[in-house]
């Protein structure tokens, strides 16, 4: 089963998720979308599975710093454009486990995904 964790290297939640994976001896690839970027097709696929509302990190400082005009009347197209422009607006981590997609980190969700 292929496992890839997407996020930003220095994010505290990412560190917790990676520590969980390491402690459970789960082999995974790490994709830092702040340095390596992320493509539209991937974001669109994630939005179909998880929903763009789940993917967009509205609680983060990057989103909160946006002008109100950019935050108004958000839809999937606008949200994906924002996340492409500034990947730190993508909620972290995004974990692809085979065909499953987990957004955010909760130990119990990871426990269930890895059985």
Protein backbone atom coordinates (compact mmCIF):
# COMPACT_ATOMS: atom_id res chain seq x y z
CA UNK A 1 0.00 0.00 0.00
CA UNK A 2 1.48 3.33 -1.09
CA UNK A 3 1.43 6.06 1.57
CA UNK A 4 2.25 9.70 0.92
CA UNK A 5 1.96 12.52 3.43
CA UNK A 6 1.61 16.02 2.01
CA UNK A 7 2.27 19.18 3.95
CA UNK A 8 4.90 21.62 5.13
CA UNK A 9 8.06 20.45 6.85
CA UNK A 10 8.00 22.76 9.87
CA UNK A 11 4.28 22.58 10.68
CA UNK A 12 3.61 21.29 14.22
CA UNK A 13 0.67 19.15 13.11
CA UNK A 14 2.84 17.65 10.38
CA UNK A 15 5.49 16.79 12.97
CA UNK A 16 2.87 14.98 15.08
CA UNK A 17 1.56 13.05 12.07
CA UNK A 18 5.04 12.04 10.93
CA UNK A 19 5.95 11.02 14.48
CA UNK A 20 2.82 8.81 14.55
CA UNK A 21 3.78 7.21 11.23
CA UNK A 22 7.36 6.66 12.41
CA UNK A 23 6.22 5.19 15.75
CA UNK A 24 3.94 2.76 13.90
CA UNK A 25 6.70 1.87 11.44
CA UNK A 26 4.59 2.98 8.48
CA UNK A 27 6.65 3.49 5.34
CA UNK A 28 5.70 6.72 3.61
CA UNK A 29 6.86 9.34 1.17
CA UNK A 30 6.80 12.99 2.23
CA UNK A 31 5.77 15.71 -0.24
CA UNK A 32 6.47 19.25 0.97
CA UNK A 33 4.08 21.30 -1.10
CA UNK A 34 5.60 24.56 0.06
CA UNK A 35 8.95 23.72 -1.58
CA UNK A 36 7.87 21.16 -4.22
CA UNK A 37 4.51 22.74 -5.05
CA UNK A 38 1.22 21.04 -5.80
CA UNK A 39 -0.62 20.78 -9.08
CA UNK A 40 -4.18 21.68 -9.95
CA UNK A 41 -5.12 18.10 -10.90
CA UNK A 42 -4.10 16.82 -7.46
CA UNK A 43 -6.05 19.54 -5.64
CA UNK A 44 -9.10 18.94 -7.82
CA UNK A 45 -8.92 15.20 -7.13
CA UNK A 46 -8.62 15.82 -3.39
CA UNK A 47 -11.56 18.24 -3.52
CA UNK A 48 -13.70 15.52 -5.15
CA UNK A 49 -12.83 13.08 -2.35
CA UNK A 50 -12.66 15.31 0.75
CA UNK A 51 -14.43 18.50 -0.36
CA UNK A 52 -12.72 21.84 -0.96
CA UNK A 53 -14.18 23.17 2.31
CA UNK A 54 -12.20 20.53 4.23
CA UNK A 55 -8.99 21.18 2.27
CA UNK A 56 -8.97 24.96 2.68
CA UNK A 57 -7.33 25.96 5.96
CA UNK A 58 -9.44 28.95 6.95
CA UNK A 59 -7.97 28.98 10.47
CA UNK A 60 -4.42 29.61 9.29
CA UNK A 61 -2.73 33.00 9.30
CA UNK A 62 -2.25 32.96 5.51
CA UNK A 63 -6.00 32.73 4.88
CA UNK A 64 -6.90 35.19 7.62
CA UNK A 65 -4.44 37.73 6.16
CA UNK A 66 -6.20 37.71 2.78
CA UNK A 67 -8.18 40.78 1.80
CA UNK A 68 -11.90 40.30 2.48
CA UNK A 69 -12.62 40.46 -1.24
CA UNK A 70 -10.66 37.23 -1.80
CA UNK A 71 -12.49 35.47 1.05
CA UNK A 72 -15.98 36.42 -0.11
CA UNK A 73 -18.18 34.16 -2.24
CA UNK A 74 -15.73 31.28 -2.08
CA UNK A 75 -16.44 28.27 -4.24
CA UNK A 76 -14.36 25.28 -5.30
CA UNK A 77 -12.74 27.07 -8.25
CA UNK A 78 -11.70 30.10 -6.16
CA UNK A 79 -10.52 27.95 -3.24
CA UNK A 80 -8.34 25.79 -5.50
CA UNK A 81 -6.86 28.93 -7.09
CA UNK A 82 -6.02 30.27 -3.61
CA UNK A 83 -4.42 26.97 -2.56
CA UNK A 84 -2.37 26.83 -5.77
CA UNK A 85 -1.23 30.41 -5.23
CA UNK A 86 -0.33 29.83 -1.58
CA UNK A 87 -0.03 26.12 -0.65
CA UNK A 88 0.16 26.98 3.05
CA UNK A 89 -3.63 27.46 2.78
CA UNK A 90 -4.04 23.70 2.33
CA UNK A 91 -5.02 22.04 5.59
CA UNK A 92 -2.26 19.82 6.92
CA UNK A 93 -1.46 17.06 6.68
CA UNK A 94 -3.08 15.41 3.70
CA UNK A 95 -2.38 11.69 3.91
CA UNK A 96 -2.96 9.45 0.92
CA UNK A 97 -3.19 5.83 2.06
CA UNK A 98 -3.86 3.66 -0.95
CA UNK A 99 -7.21 4.98 -2.20
CA UNK A 100 -8.08 6.72 1.11
CA UNK A 101 -7.48 10.40 1.76
CA UNK A 102 -7.19 11.76 5.30
CA UNK A 103 -7.11 15.51 5.90
CA UNK A 104 -5.81 16.77 9.23
CA UNK A 105 -4.30 14.65 11.97
CA UNK A 106 -6.16 12.64 14.59
CA UNK A 107 -4.40 9.56 16.00
CA UNK A 108 -7.65 7.56 16.04
CA UNK A 109 -8.25 8.27 12.35
CA UNK A 110 -4.73 7.11 11.52
CA UNK A 111 -5.25 4.00 13.69
CA UNK A 112 -8.39 3.15 11.69
CA UNK A 113 -6.71 3.79 8.33
CA UNK A 114 -3.75 1.56 9.12
CA UNK A 115 -5.87 -1.09 10.86
